[in-house]
Amino acid sequence: MRRFVTVLLTALSLLTLNAAADITGNWDVEIVLDDSSLPGGGIDCAFKQTGEQLSGSCMESAVTGEVKGQNVSWRLQKKDSSPEAAFTGTVNEVGNNMTGTFSLGDKRGRFTASRQR
């Protein structure tokens, strides 16, 4: 019986680790560029997650992306000819914070994000 409980708890913990985080909602995203001479800043994003697919918007730009387990990636699709921003990060276990990296043309940096309450 003890062995069964141990196996069951191990299986449940693996399922929890592999379950996709649900990031549907509004998020505050703070950006810091690697080039410290350039200002970073914050943007507001609204995500809608359906399975592993991610959609929504950040400011005036449409978002497309995916969430696989705790890993998240999304792109901002601009309407004009400006470079596309790409974000890749990890959602914490509770699902209320993200950290990662981003690129915008030849610019690179880091981001943190917090779910708005």
PDB file of N, CA and C in Angstrom:
ATOM      1  N   MET A   1       0.819  -1.195   0.000  1.00  0.00           N
ATOM      2  CA  MET A   1       0.000   0.000   0.000  1.00  0.00           C
ATOM      3  C   MET A   1       0.865   1.261   0.000  1.00  0.00           C
ATOM      4  N   ARG A   2       1.915   1.231   0.800  1.00  0.00           N
ATOM      5  CA  ARG A   2       2.811   2.386   0.893  1.00  0.00           C
ATOM      6  C   ARG A   2       3.457   2.680  -0.469  1.00  0.00           C
ATOM      7  N   ARG A   3       3.865   1.625  -1.156  1.00  0.00           N
ATOM      8  CA  ARG A   3       4.477   1.785  -2.485  1.00  0.00           C
ATOM      9  C   ARG A   3       3.462   2.390  -3.462  1.00  0.00           C
ATOM     10  N   PHE A   4       2.218   1.944  -3.413  1.00  0.00           N
ATOM     11  CA  PHE A   4       1.168   2.477  -4.284  1.00  0.00           C
ATOM     12  C   PHE A   4       0.975   3.978  -4.054  1.00  0.00           C
ATOM     13  N   VAL A   5       0.923   4.404  -2.815  1.00  0.00           N
ATOM     14  CA  VAL A   5       0.744   5.823  -2.488  1.00  0.00           C
ATOM     15  C   VAL A   5       1.930   6.632  -3.008  1.00  0.00           C
ATOM     16  N   THR A   6       3.138   6.106  -2.839  1.00  0.00           N
ATOM     17  CA  THR A   6       4.330   6.803  -3.335  1.00  0.00           C
ATOM     18  C   THR A   6       4.279   6.956  -4.852  1.00  0.00           C
ATOM     19  N   VAL A   7       3.920   5.886  -5.557  1.00  0.00           N
ATOM     20  CA  VAL A   7       3.821   5.935  -7.017  1.00  0.00           C
ATOM     21  C   VAL A   7       2.733   6.914  -7.437  1.00  0.00           C
ATOM     22  N   LEU A   8       1.602   6.894  -6.751  1.00  0.00           N
ATOM     23  CA  LEU A   8       0.495   7.792  -7.072  1.00  0.00           C
ATOM     24  C   LEU A   8       0.894   9.258  -6.883  1.00  0.00           C
ATOM     25  N   LEU A   9       1.540   9.567  -5.776  1.00  0.00           N
ATOM     26  CA  LEU A   9       1.973  10.943  -5.521  1.00  0.00           C
ATOM     27  C   LEU A   9       3.012  11.403  -6.546  1.00  0.00           C
ATOM     28  N   THR A  10       3.918  10.526  -6.918  1.00  0.00           N
ATOM     29  CA  THR A  10       4.914  10.862  -7.939  1.00  0.00           C
ATOM     30  C   THR A  10       4.230  11.144  -9.274  1.00  0.00           C
ATOM     31  N   ALA A  11       3.276  10.309  -9.663  1.00  0.00           N
ATOM     32  CA  ALA A  11       2.560  10.510 -10.929  1.00  0.00           C
ATOM     33  C   ALA A  11       1.790  11.821 -10.914  1.00  0.00           C
ATOM     34  N   LEU A  12       1.126  12.116  -9.805  1.00  0.00           N
ATOM     35  CA  LEU A  12       0.373  13.373  -9.717  1.00  0.00           C
ATOM     36  C   LEU A  12       1.293  14.586  -9.793  1.00  0.00           C
ATOM     37  N   SER A  13       2.468  14.515  -9.180  1.00  0.00           N
ATOM     38  CA  SER A  13       3.386  15.657  -9.249  1.00  0.00           C
ATOM     39  C   SER A  13       3.908  15.854 -10.663  1.00  0.00           C
ATOM     40  N   LEU A  14       4.144  14.766 -11.392  1.00  0.00           N
ATOM     41  CA  LEU A  14       4.594  14.886 -12.785  1.00  0.00           C
ATOM     42  C   LEU A  14       3.498  15.485 -13.649  1.00  0.00           C
ATOM     43  N   LEU A  15       2.261  15.103 -13.433  1.00  0.00           N
ATOM     44  CA  LEU A  15       1.150  15.682 -14.186  1.00  0.00           C
ATOM     45  C   LEU A  15       1.032  17.167 -13.917  1.00  0.00           C
ATOM     46  N   THR A  16       1.215  17.573 -12.682  1.00  0.00           N
ATOM     47  CA  THR A  16       1.140  18.986 -12.324  1.00  0.00           C
ATOM     48  C   THR A  16       2.244  19.765 -13.009  1.00  0.00           C
ATOM     49  N   LEU A  17       3.462  19.218 -13.043  1.00  0.00           N
ATOM     50  CA  LEU A  17       4.577  19.911 -13.682  1.00  0.00           C
ATOM     51  C   LEU A  17       4.371  20.050 -15.186  1.00  0.00           C
ATOM     52  N   ASN A  18       3.726  19.066 -15.816  1.00  0.00           N
ATOM     53  CA  ASN A  18       3.543  19.097 -17.258  1.00  0.00           C
ATOM     54  C   ASN A  18       2.282  19.827 -17.695  1.00  0.00           C
ATOM     55  N   ALA A  19       1.413  20.162 -16.759  1.00  0.00           N
ATOM     56  CA  ALA A  19       0.182  20.876 -17.104  1.00  0.00           C
ATOM     57  C   ALA A  19       0.529  22.295 -17.532  1.00  0.00           C
ATOM     58  N   ALA A  20      -0.110  22.752 -18.579  1.00  0.00           N
ATOM     59  CA  ALA A  20       0.151  24.096 -19.084  1.00  0.00           C
ATOM     60  C   ALA A  20      -0.407  25.131 -18.121  1.00  0.00           C
ATOM     61  N   ALA A  21       0.379  26.163 -17.893  1.00  0.00           N
ATOM     62  CA  ALA A  21      -0.101  27.287 -17.106  1.00  0.00           C
ATOM     63  C   ALA A  21      -1.191  27.989 -17.908  1.00  0.00           C
ATOM     64  N   ASP A  22      -2.176  28.543 -17.237  1.00  0.00           N
ATOM     65  CA  ASP A  22      -3.205  29.326 -17.920  1.00  0.00           C
ATOM     66  C   ASP A  22      -2.928  30.793 -17.648  1.00  0.00           C
ATOM     67  N   ILE A  23      -2.511  31.523 -18.676  1.00  0.00           N
ATOM     68  CA  ILE A  23      -2.151  32.930 -18.474  1.00  0.00           C
ATOM     69  C   ILE A  23      -3.232  33.887 -18.971  1.00  0.00           C
ATOM     70  N   THR A  24      -4.444  33.371 -19.203  1.00  0.00           N
ATOM     71  CA  THR A  24      -5.546  34.241 -19.604  1.00  0.00           C
ATOM     72  C   THR A  24      -5.709  35.355 -18.583  1.00  0.00           C
ATOM     73  N   GLY A  25      -5.801  36.581 -19.071  1.00  0.00           N
ATOM     74  CA  GLY A  25      -6.001  37.724 -18.185  1.00  0.00           C
ATOM     75  C   GLY A  25      -5.149  38.910 -18.591  1.00  0.00           C
ATOM     76  N   ASN A  26      -5.131  39.910 -17.730  1.00  0.00           N
ATOM     77  CA  ASN A  26      -4.377  41.142 -17.977  1.00  0.00           C
ATOM     78  C   ASN A  26      -3.058  41.101 -17.219  1.00  0.00           C
ATOM     79  N   TRP A  27      -2.004  41.544 -17.906  1.00  0.00           N
ATOM     80  CA  TRP A  27      -0.656  41.478 -17.364  1.00  0.00           C
ATOM     81  C   TRP A  27       0.056  42.825 -17.528  1.00  0.00           C
ATOM     82  N   ASP A  28       0.877  43.174 -16.540  1.00  0.00           N
ATOM     83  CA  ASP A  28       1.799  44.308 -16.624  1.00  0.00           C
ATOM     84  C   ASP A  28       3.158  43.742 -17.005  1.00  0.00           C
ATOM     85  N   VAL A  29       3.704  44.176 -18.140  1.00  0.00           N
ATOM     86  CA  VAL A  29       4.988  43.670 -18.624  1.00  0.00           C
ATOM     87  C   VAL A  29       6.010  44.805 -18.554  1.00  0.00           C
ATOM     88  N   GLU A  30       7.117  44.558 -17.848  1.00  0.00           N
ATOM     89  CA  GLU A  30       8.202  45.532 -17.724  1.00  0.00           C
ATOM     90  C   GLU A  30       9.390  45.046 -18.537  1.00  0.00           C
ATOM     91  N   ILE A  31       9.923  45.950 -19.369  1.00  0.00           N
ATOM     92  CA  ILE A  31      11.006  45.606 -20.290  1.00  0.00           C
ATOM     93  C   ILE A  31      12.271  46.365 -19.906  1.00  0.00           C
ATOM     94  N   VAL A  32      13.402  45.659 -19.889  1.00  0.00           N
ATOM     95  CA  VAL A  32      14.713  46.262 -19.659  1.00  0.00           C
ATOM     96  C   VAL A  32      15.604  45.857 -20.823  1.00  0.00           C
ATOM     97  N   LEU A  33      16.116  46.829 -21.553  1.00  0.00           N
ATOM     98  CA  LEU A  33      16.977  46.557 -22.709  1.00  0.00           C
ATOM     99  C   LEU A  33      18.402  46.272 -22.261  1.00  0.00           C
ATOM    100  N   ASP A  34      19.095  45.392 -22.999  1.00  0.00           N
ATOM    101  CA  ASP A  34      20.501  45.103 -22.701  1.00  0.00           C
ATOM    102  C   ASP A  34      21.358  46.347 -22.850  1.00  0.00           C
ATOM    103  N   ASP A  35      21.036  47.206 -23.814  1.00  0.00           N
ATOM    104  CA  ASP A  35      21.740  48.471 -24.015  1.00  0.00           C
ATOM    105  C   ASP A  35      21.173  49.482 -23.020  1.00  0.00           C
ATOM    106  N   SER A  36      21.917  49.731 -21.954  1.00  0.00           N
ATOM    107  CA  SER A  36      21.416  50.583 -20.876  1.00  0.00           C
ATOM    108  C   SER A  36      21.240  52.046 -21.299  1.00  0.00           C
ATOM    109  N   SER A  37      21.743  52.413 -22.466  1.00  0.00           N
ATOM    110  CA  SER A  37      21.540  53.787 -22.932  1.00  0.00           C
ATOM    111  C   SER A  37      20.136  53.980 -23.512  1.00  0.00           C
ATOM    112  N   LEU A  38      19.427  52.873 -23.730  1.00  0.00           N
ATOM    113  CA  LEU A  38      18.055  52.934 -24.253  1.00  0.00           C
ATOM    114  C   LEU A  38      17.070  52.723 -23.115  1.00  0.00           C
ATOM    115  N   PRO A  39      16.002  53.518 -23.103  1.00  0.00           N
ATOM    116  CA  PRO A  39      15.025  53.345 -22.017  1.00  0.00           C
ATOM    117  C   PRO A  39      14.194  52.081 -22.210  1.00  0.00           C
ATOM    118  N   GLY A  40      13.858  51.452 -21.123  1.00  0.00           N
ATOM    119  CA  GLY A  40      12.922  50.329 -21.151  1.00  0.00           C
ATOM    120  C   GLY A  40      11.525  50.890 -20.958  1.00  0.00           C
ATOM    121  N   GLY A  41      10.698  50.166 -20.280  1.00  0.00           N
ATOM    122  CA  GLY A  41       9.362  50.659 -19.996  1.00  0.00           C
ATOM    123  C   GLY A  41       8.380  49.550 -19.774  1.00  0.00           C
ATOM    124  N   GLY A  42       7.149  49.941 -19.620  1.00  0.00           N
ATOM    125  CA  GLY A  42       6.106  48.965 -19.347  1.00  0.00           C
ATOM    126  C   GLY A  42       5.031  48.980 -20.412  1.00  0.00           C
ATOM    127  N   ILE A  43       4.426  47.828 -20.618  1.00  0.00           N
ATOM    128  CA  ILE A  43       3.288  47.709 -21.526  1.00  0.00           C
ATOM    129  C   ILE A  43       2.215  46.870 -20.824  1.00  0.00           C
ATOM    130  N   ASP A  44       0.983  47.101 -21.184  1.00  0.00           N
ATOM    131  CA  ASP A  44      -0.135  46.317 -20.680  1.00  0.00           C
ATOM    132  C   ASP A  44      -0.535  45.309 -21.740  1.00  0.00           C
ATOM    133  N   CYS A  45      -0.697  44.058 -21.323  1.00  0.00           N
ATOM    134  CA  CYS A  45      -1.084  42.997 -22.246  1.00  0.00           C
ATOM    135  C   CYS A  45      -2.339  42.291 -21.733  1.00  0.00           C
ATOM    136  N   ALA A  46      -3.187  41.895 -22.654  1.00  0.00           N
ATOM    137  CA  ALA A  46      -4.367  41.088 -22.347  1.00  0.00           C
ATOM    138  C   ALA A  46      -4.234  39.799 -23.135  1.00  0.00           C
ATOM    139  N   PHE A  47      -4.063  38.674 -22.423  1.00  0.00           N
ATOM    140  CA  PHE A  47      -3.886  37.381 -23.069  1.00  0.00           C
ATOM    141  C   PHE A  47      -5.149  36.547 -22.961  1.00  0.00           C
ATOM    142  N   LYS A  48      -5.389  35.752 -24.020  1.00  0.00           N
ATOM    143  CA  LYS A  48      -6.451  34.749 -24.001  1.00  0.00           C
ATOM    144  C   LYS A  48      -5.818  33.445 -24.449  1.00  0.00           C
ATOM    145  N   GLN A  49      -5.881  32.459 -23.579  1.00  0.00           N
ATOM    146  CA  GLN A  49      -5.276  31.171 -23.868  1.00  0.00           C
ATOM    147  C   GLN A  49      -6.354  30.135 -24.123  1.00  0.00           C
ATOM    148  N   THR A  50      -6.204  29.407 -25.228  1.00  0.00           N
ATOM    149  CA  THR A  50      -7.086  28.292 -25.561  1.00  0.00           C
ATOM    150  C   THR A  50      -6.185  27.087 -25.797  1.00  0.00           C
ATOM    151  N   GLY A  51      -6.176  26.161 -24.845  1.00  0.00           N
ATOM    152  CA  GLY A  51      -5.236  25.047 -24.922  1.00  0.00           C
ATOM    153  C   GLY A  51      -3.830  25.596 -24.836  1.00  0.00           C
ATOM    154  N   GLU A  52      -3.002  25.277 -25.829  1.00  0.00           N
ATOM    155  CA  GLU A  52      -1.639  25.807 -25.865  1.00  0.00           C
ATOM    156  C   GLU A  52      -1.531  27.088 -26.688  1.00  0.00           C
ATOM    157  N   GLN A  53      -2.605  27.481 -27.367  1.00  0.00           N
ATOM    158  CA  GLN A  53      -2.580  28.656 -28.238  1.00  0.00           C
ATOM    159  C   GLN A  53      -2.840  29.932 -27.443  1.00  0.00           C
ATOM    160  N   LEU A  54      -2.101  30.978 -27.786  1.00  0.00           N
ATOM    161  CA  LEU A  54      -2.191  32.254 -27.099  1.00  0.00           C
ATOM    162  C   LEU A  54      -2.551  33.339 -28.098  1.00  0.00           C
ATOM    163  N   SER A  55      -3.500  34.198 -27.733  1.00  0.00           N
ATOM    164  CA  SER A  55      -3.870  35.348 -28.548  1.00  0.00           C
ATOM    165  C   SER A  55      -4.088  36.516 -27.592  1.00  0.00           C
ATOM    166  N   GLY A  56      -4.407  37.669 -28.147  1.00  0.00           N
ATOM    167  CA  GLY A  56      -4.670  38.837 -27.316  1.00  0.00           C
ATOM    168  C   GLY A  56      -4.056  40.077 -27.904  1.00  0.00           C
ATOM    169  N   SER A  57      -3.696  41.004 -27.015  1.00  0.00           N
ATOM    170  CA  SER A  57      -3.086  42.248 -27.475  1.00  0.00           C
ATOM    171  C   SER A  57      -2.193  42.829 -26.392  1.00  0.00           C
ATOM    172  N   CYS A  58      -1.192  43.561 -26.846  1.00  0.00           N
ATOM    173  CA  CYS A  58      -0.322  44.361 -25.986  1.00  0.00           C
ATOM    174  C   CYS A  58      -0.323  45.755 -26.596  1.00  0.00           C
ATOM    175  N   MET A  59      -0.880  46.689 -25.860  1.00  0.00           N
ATOM    176  CA  MET A  59      -1.073  48.047 -26.348  1.00  0.00           C
ATOM    177  C   MET A  59      -1.908  47.974 -27.634  1.00  0.00           C
ATOM    178  N   GLU A  60      -1.387  48.409 -28.736  1.00  0.00           N
ATOM    179  CA  GLU A  60      -2.143  48.415 -29.999  1.00  0.00           C
ATOM    180  C   GLU A  60      -1.770  47.244 -30.916  1.00  0.00           C
ATOM    181  N   SER A  61      -0.969  46.312 -30.422  1.00  0.00           N
ATOM    182  CA  SER A  61      -0.470  45.226 -31.263  1.00  0.00           C
ATOM    183  C   SER A  61      -1.134  43.902 -30.924  1.00  0.00           C
ATOM    184  N   ALA A  62      -1.454  43.121 -31.962  1.00  0.00           N
ATOM    185  CA  ALA A  62      -2.028  41.789 -31.775  1.00  0.00           C
ATOM    186  C   ALA A  62      -0.944  40.829 -31.292  1.00  0.00           C
ATOM    187  N   VAL A  63      -1.353  39.867 -30.488  1.00  0.00           N
ATOM    188  CA  VAL A  63      -0.446  38.861 -29.935  1.00  0.00           C
ATOM    189  C   VAL A  63      -0.812  37.497 -30.503  1.00  0.00           C
ATOM    190  N   THR A  64       0.211  36.737 -30.903  1.00  0.00           N
ATOM    191  CA  THR A  64       0.047  35.314 -31.205  1.00  0.00           C
ATOM    192  C   THR A  64       1.171  34.581 -30.502  1.00  0.00           C
ATOM    193  N   GLY A  65       0.870  33.398 -30.005  1.00  0.00           N
ATOM    194  CA  GLY A  65       1.916  32.655 -29.315  1.00  0.00           C
ATOM    195  C   GLY A  65       1.424  31.325 -28.819  1.00  0.00           C
ATOM    196  N   GLU A  66       2.199  30.757 -27.876  1.00  0.00           N
ATOM    197  CA  GLU A  66       1.841  29.470 -27.325  1.00  0.00           C
ATOM    198  C   GLU A  66       2.357  29.328 -25.904  1.00  0.00           C
ATOM    199  N   VAL A  67       1.706  28.441 -25.172  1.00  0.00           N
ATOM    200  CA  VAL A  67       2.099  28.091 -23.812  1.00  0.00           C
ATOM    201  C   VAL A  67       2.246  26.580 -23.773  1.00  0.00           C
ATOM    202  N   LYS A  68       3.438  26.122 -23.413  1.00  0.00           N
ATOM    203  CA  LYS A  68       3.701  24.683 -23.298  1.00  0.00           C
ATOM    204  C   LYS A  68       4.267  24.432 -21.913  1.00  0.00           C
ATOM    205  N   GLY A  69       3.456  23.821 -21.064  1.00  0.00           N
ATOM    206  CA  GLY A  69       3.864  23.637 -19.673  1.00  0.00           C
ATOM    207  C   GLY A  69       3.987  25.008 -19.030  1.00  0.00           C
ATOM    208  N   GLN A  70       5.139  25.293 -18.463  1.00  0.00           N
ATOM    209  CA  GLN A  70       5.385  26.607 -17.850  1.00  0.00           C
ATOM    210  C   GLN A  70       6.078  27.560 -18.835  1.00  0.00           C
ATOM    211  N   ASN A  71       6.376  27.101 -20.046  1.00  0.00           N
ATOM    212  CA  ASN A  71       7.064  27.912 -21.044  1.00  0.00           C
ATOM    213  C   ASN A  71       6.066  28.677 -21.902  1.00  0.00           C
ATOM    214  N   VAL A  72       6.361  29.941 -22.126  1.00  0.00           N
ATOM    215  CA  VAL A  72       5.472  30.795 -22.911  1.00  0.00           C
ATOM    216  C   VAL A  72       6.286  31.557 -23.948  1.00  0.00           C
ATOM    217  N   SER A  73       5.703  31.748 -25.115  1.00  0.00           N
ATOM    218  CA  SER A  73       6.326  32.595 -26.137  1.00  0.00           C
ATOM    219  C   SER A  73       5.220  33.307 -26.901  1.00  0.00           C
ATOM    220  N   TRP A  74       5.495  34.563 -27.245  1.00  0.00           N
ATOM    221  CA  TRP A  74       4.520  35.310 -28.037  1.00  0.00           C
ATOM    222  C   TRP A  74       5.215  36.374 -28.861  1.00  0.00           C
ATOM    223  N   ARG A  75       4.522  36.794 -29.912  1.00  0.00           N
ATOM    224  CA  ARG A  75       5.004  37.845 -30.813  1.00  0.00           C
ATOM    225  C   ARG A  75       3.965  38.944 -30.887  1.00  0.00           C
ATOM    226  N   LEU A  76       4.452  40.165 -30.958  1.00  0.00           N
ATOM    227  CA  LEU A  76       3.586  41.320 -31.185  1.00  0.00           C
ATOM    228  C   LEU A  76       3.592  41.607 -32.665  1.00  0.00           C
ATOM    229  N   GLN A  77       2.455  41.599 -33.286  1.00  0.00           N
ATOM    230  CA  GLN A  77       2.361  41.828 -34.718  1.00  0.00           C
ATOM    231  C   GLN A  77       1.911  43.261 -34.970  1.00  0.00           C
ATOM    232  N   LYS A  78       2.850  44.075 -35.395  1.00  0.00           N
ATOM    233  CA  LYS A  78       2.579  45.482 -35.661  1.00  0.00           C
ATOM    234  C   LYS A  78       1.862  45.645 -36.992  1.00  0.00           C
ATOM    235  N   LYS A  79       1.054  46.689 -37.080  1.00  0.00           N
ATOM    236  CA  LYS A  79       0.350  46.978 -38.330  1.00  0.00           C
ATOM    237  C   LYS A  79       1.251  47.714 -39.310  1.00  0.00           C
ATOM    238  N   ASP A  80       2.224  48.444 -38.792  1.00  0.00           N
ATOM    239  CA  ASP A  80       3.125  49.180 -39.677  1.00  0.00           C
ATOM    240  C   ASP A  80       4.367  48.330 -39.974  1.00  0.00           C
ATOM    241  N   SER A  81       5.380  48.921 -40.514  1.00  0.00           N
ATOM    242  CA  SER A  81       6.566  48.174 -40.917  1.00  0.00           C
ATOM    243  C   SER A  81       7.628  48.101 -39.824  1.00  0.00           C
ATOM    244  N   SER A  82       7.308  48.493 -38.597  1.00  0.00           N
ATOM    245  CA  SER A  82       8.295  48.414 -37.519  1.00  0.00           C
ATOM    246  C   SER A  82       8.597  46.948 -37.186  1.00  0.00           C
ATOM    247  N   PRO A  83       9.765  46.699 -36.592  1.00  0.00           N
ATOM    248  CA  PRO A  83      10.154  45.308 -36.314  1.00  0.00           C
ATOM    249  C   PRO A  83       9.184  44.621 -35.346  1.00  0.00           C
ATOM    250  N   GLU A  84       9.074  43.319 -35.502  1.00  0.00           N
ATOM    251  CA  GLU A  84       8.213  42.511 -34.643  1.00  0.00           C
ATOM    252  C   GLU A  84       8.936  42.211 -33.331  1.00  0.00           C
ATOM    253  N   ALA A  85       8.228  42.308 -32.226  1.00  0.00           N
ATOM    254  CA  ALA A  85       8.791  41.966 -30.922  1.00  0.00           C
ATOM    255  C   ALA A  85       8.472  40.512 -30.609  1.00  0.00           C
ATOM    256  N   ALA A  86       9.469  39.779 -30.102  1.00  0.00           N
ATOM    257  CA  ALA A  86       9.289  38.375 -29.739  1.00  0.00           C
ATOM    258  C   ALA A  86       9.683  38.186 -28.277  1.00  0.00           C
ATOM    259  N   PHE A  87       8.835  37.510 -27.517  1.00  0.00           N
ATOM    260  CA  PHE A  87       9.046  37.264 -26.092  1.00  0.00           C
ATOM    261  C   PHE A  87       9.097  35.760 -25.842  1.00  0.00           C
ATOM    262  N   THR A  88      10.033  35.320 -25.006  1.00  0.00           N
ATOM    263  CA  THR A  88      10.146  33.926 -24.599  1.00  0.00           C
ATOM    264  C   THR A  88      10.418  33.904 -23.110  1.00  0.00           C
ATOM    265  N   GLY A  89       9.603  33.158 -22.367  1.00  0.00           N
ATOM    266  CA  GLY A  89       9.800  33.157 -20.923  1.00  0.00           C
ATOM    267  C   GLY A  89       9.194  31.950 -20.239  1.00  0.00           C
ATOM    268  N   THR A  90       9.156  32.072 -18.910  1.00  0.00           N
ATOM    269  CA  THR A  90       8.651  31.021 -18.047  1.00  0.00           C
ATOM    270  C   THR A  90       7.652  31.613 -17.066  1.00  0.00           C
ATOM    271  N   VAL A  91       6.548  30.921 -16.886  1.00  0.00           N
ATOM    272  CA  VAL A  91       5.527  31.315 -15.920  1.00  0.00           C
ATOM    273  C   VAL A  91       5.835  30.598 -14.606  1.00  0.00           C
ATOM    274  N   ASN A  92       5.739  31.324 -13.477  1.00  0.00           N
ATOM    275  CA  ASN A  92       5.995  30.662 -12.195  1.00  0.00           C
ATOM    276  C   ASN A  92       4.905  29.634 -11.899  1.00  0.00           C
ATOM    277  N   GLU A  93       5.143  28.790 -10.887  1.00  0.00           N
ATOM    278  CA  GLU A  93       4.232  27.690 -10.579  1.00  0.00           C
ATOM    279  C   GLU A  93       2.828  28.164 -10.221  1.00  0.00           C
ATOM    280  N   VAL A  94       2.715  29.325  -9.594  1.00  0.00           N
ATOM    281  CA  VAL A  94       1.412  29.844  -9.182  1.00  0.00           C
ATOM    282  C   VAL A  94       0.665  30.440 -10.372  1.00  0.00           C
ATOM    283  N   GLY A  95       1.397  30.836 -11.426  1.00  0.00           N
ATOM    284  CA  GLY A  95       0.776  31.390 -12.626  1.00  0.00           C
ATOM    285  C   GLY A  95       0.506  32.875 -12.566  1.00  0.00           C
ATOM    286  N   ASN A  96       1.215  33.601 -11.696  1.00  0.00           N
ATOM    287  CA  ASN A  96       0.973  35.039 -11.598  1.00  0.00           C
ATOM    288  C   ASN A  96       2.179  35.900 -11.953  1.00  0.00           C
ATOM    289  N   ASN A  97       3.308  35.295 -12.319  1.00  0.00           N
ATOM    290  CA  ASN A  97       4.502  36.033 -12.740  1.00  0.00           C
ATOM    291  C   ASN A  97       5.196  35.308 -13.877  1.00  0.00           C
ATOM    292  N   MET A  98       5.857  36.094 -14.730  1.00  0.00           N
ATOM    293  CA  MET A  98       6.657  35.552 -15.824  1.00  0.00           C
ATOM    294  C   MET A  98       7.997  36.279 -15.856  1.00  0.00           C
ATOM    295  N   THR A  99       9.014  35.587 -16.312  1.00  0.00           N
ATOM    296  CA  THR A  99      10.305  36.204 -16.578  1.00  0.00           C
ATOM    297  C   THR A  99      10.836  35.622 -17.877  1.00  0.00           C
ATOM    298  N   GLY A 100      11.639  36.420 -18.581  1.00  0.00           N
ATOM    299  CA  GLY A 100      12.208  35.906 -19.810  1.00  0.00           C
ATOM    300  C   GLY A 100      12.988  36.941 -20.581  1.00  0.00           C
ATOM    301  N   THR A 101      13.150  36.673 -21.868  1.00  0.00           N
ATOM    302  CA  THR A 101      13.910  37.547 -22.756  1.00  0.00           C
ATOM    303  C   THR A 101      13.016  37.987 -23.912  1.00  0.00           C
ATOM    304  N   PHE A 102      13.449  39.055 -24.563  1.00  0.00           N
ATOM    305  CA  PHE A 102      12.706  39.522 -25.729  1.00  0.00           C
ATOM    306  C   PHE A 102      13.682  40.089 -26.749  1.00  0.00           C
ATOM    307  N   SER A 103      13.187  40.204 -27.973  1.00  0.00           N
ATOM    308  CA  SER A 103      13.959  40.860 -29.025  1.00  0.00           C
ATOM    309  C   SER A 103      13.015  41.765 -29.806  1.00  0.00           C
ATOM    310  N   LEU A 104      13.578  42.853 -30.281  1.00  0.00           N
ATOM    311  CA  LEU A 104      12.841  43.818 -31.101  1.00  0.00           C
ATOM    312  C   LEU A 104      13.820  44.299 -32.159  1.00  0.00           C
ATOM    313  N   GLY A 105      13.736  43.715 -33.356  1.00  0.00           N
ATOM    314  CA  GLY A 105      14.737  44.010 -34.376  1.00  0.00           C
ATOM    315  C   GLY A 105      16.092  43.542 -33.885  1.00  0.00           C
ATOM    316  N   ASP A 106      17.082  44.445 -33.851  1.00  0.00           N
ATOM    317  CA  ASP A 106      18.411  44.078 -33.365  1.00  0.00           C
ATOM    318  C   ASP A 106      18.592  44.365 -31.877  1.00  0.00           C
ATOM    319  N   LYS A 107      17.558  44.801 -31.203  1.00  0.00           N
ATOM    320  CA  LYS A 107      17.608  45.089 -29.765  1.00  0.00           C
ATOM    321  C   LYS A 107      17.213  43.834 -28.993  1.00  0.00           C
ATOM    322  N   ARG A 108      17.861  43.647 -27.846  1.00  0.00           N
ATOM    323  CA  ARG A 108      17.590  42.502 -26.975  1.00  0.00           C
ATOM    324  C   ARG A 108      17.407  42.998 -25.552  1.00  0.00           C
ATOM    325  N   GLY A 109      16.760  42.157 -24.740  1.00  0.00           N
ATOM    326  CA  GLY A 109      16.590  42.518 -23.348  1.00  0.00           C
ATOM    327  C   GLY A 109      15.869  41.450 -22.563  1.00  0.00           C
ATOM    328  N   ARG A 110      15.447  41.851 -21.361  1.00  0.00           N
ATOM    329  CA  ARG A 110      14.738  40.965 -20.460  1.00  0.00           C
ATOM    330  C   ARG A 110      13.371  41.554 -20.139  1.00  0.00           C
ATOM    331  N   PHE A 111      12.462  40.683 -19.718  1.00  0.00           N
ATOM    332  CA  PHE A 111      11.163  41.181 -19.274  1.00  0.00           C
ATOM    333  C   PHE A 111      10.730  40.442 -18.012  1.00  0.00           C
ATOM    334  N   THR A 112       9.926  41.127 -17.227  1.00  0.00           N
ATOM    335  CA  THR A 112       9.189  40.519 -16.123  1.00  0.00           C
ATOM    336  C   THR A 112       7.744  40.907 -16.323  1.00  0.00           C
ATOM    337  N   ALA A 113       6.847  40.048 -15.902  1.00  0.00           N
ATOM    338  CA  ALA A 113       5.422  40.339 -16.052  1.00  0.00           C
ATOM    339  C   ALA A 113       4.681  39.855 -14.814  1.00  0.00           C
ATOM    340  N   SER A 114       3.671  40.630 -14.440  1.00  0.00           N
ATOM    341  CA  SER A 114       2.828  40.286 -13.302  1.00  0.00           C
ATOM    342  C   SER A 114       1.374  40.348 -13.718  1.00  0.00           C
ATOM    343  N   ARG A 115       0.628  39.338 -13.297  1.00  0.00           N
ATOM    344  CA  ARG A 115      -0.811  39.314 -13.585  1.00  0.00           C
ATOM    345  C   ARG A 115      -1.472  40.432 -12.790  1.00  0.00           C
ATOM    346  N   GLN A 116      -2.323  41.207 -13.461  1.00  0.00           N
ATOM    347  CA  GLN A 116      -3.070  42.266 -12.779  1.00  0.00           C
ATOM    348  C   GLN A 116      -4.183  41.623 -11.972  1.00  0.00           C
ATOM    349  N   ARG A 117      -4.446  42.187 -10.835  1.00  0.00           N
ATOM    350  CA  ARG A 117      -5.526  41.652  -9.966  1.00  0.00           C
ATOM    351  C   ARG A 117      -6.817  42.352 -10.224  1.00  0.00           C
TER     352      ARG A 117
END
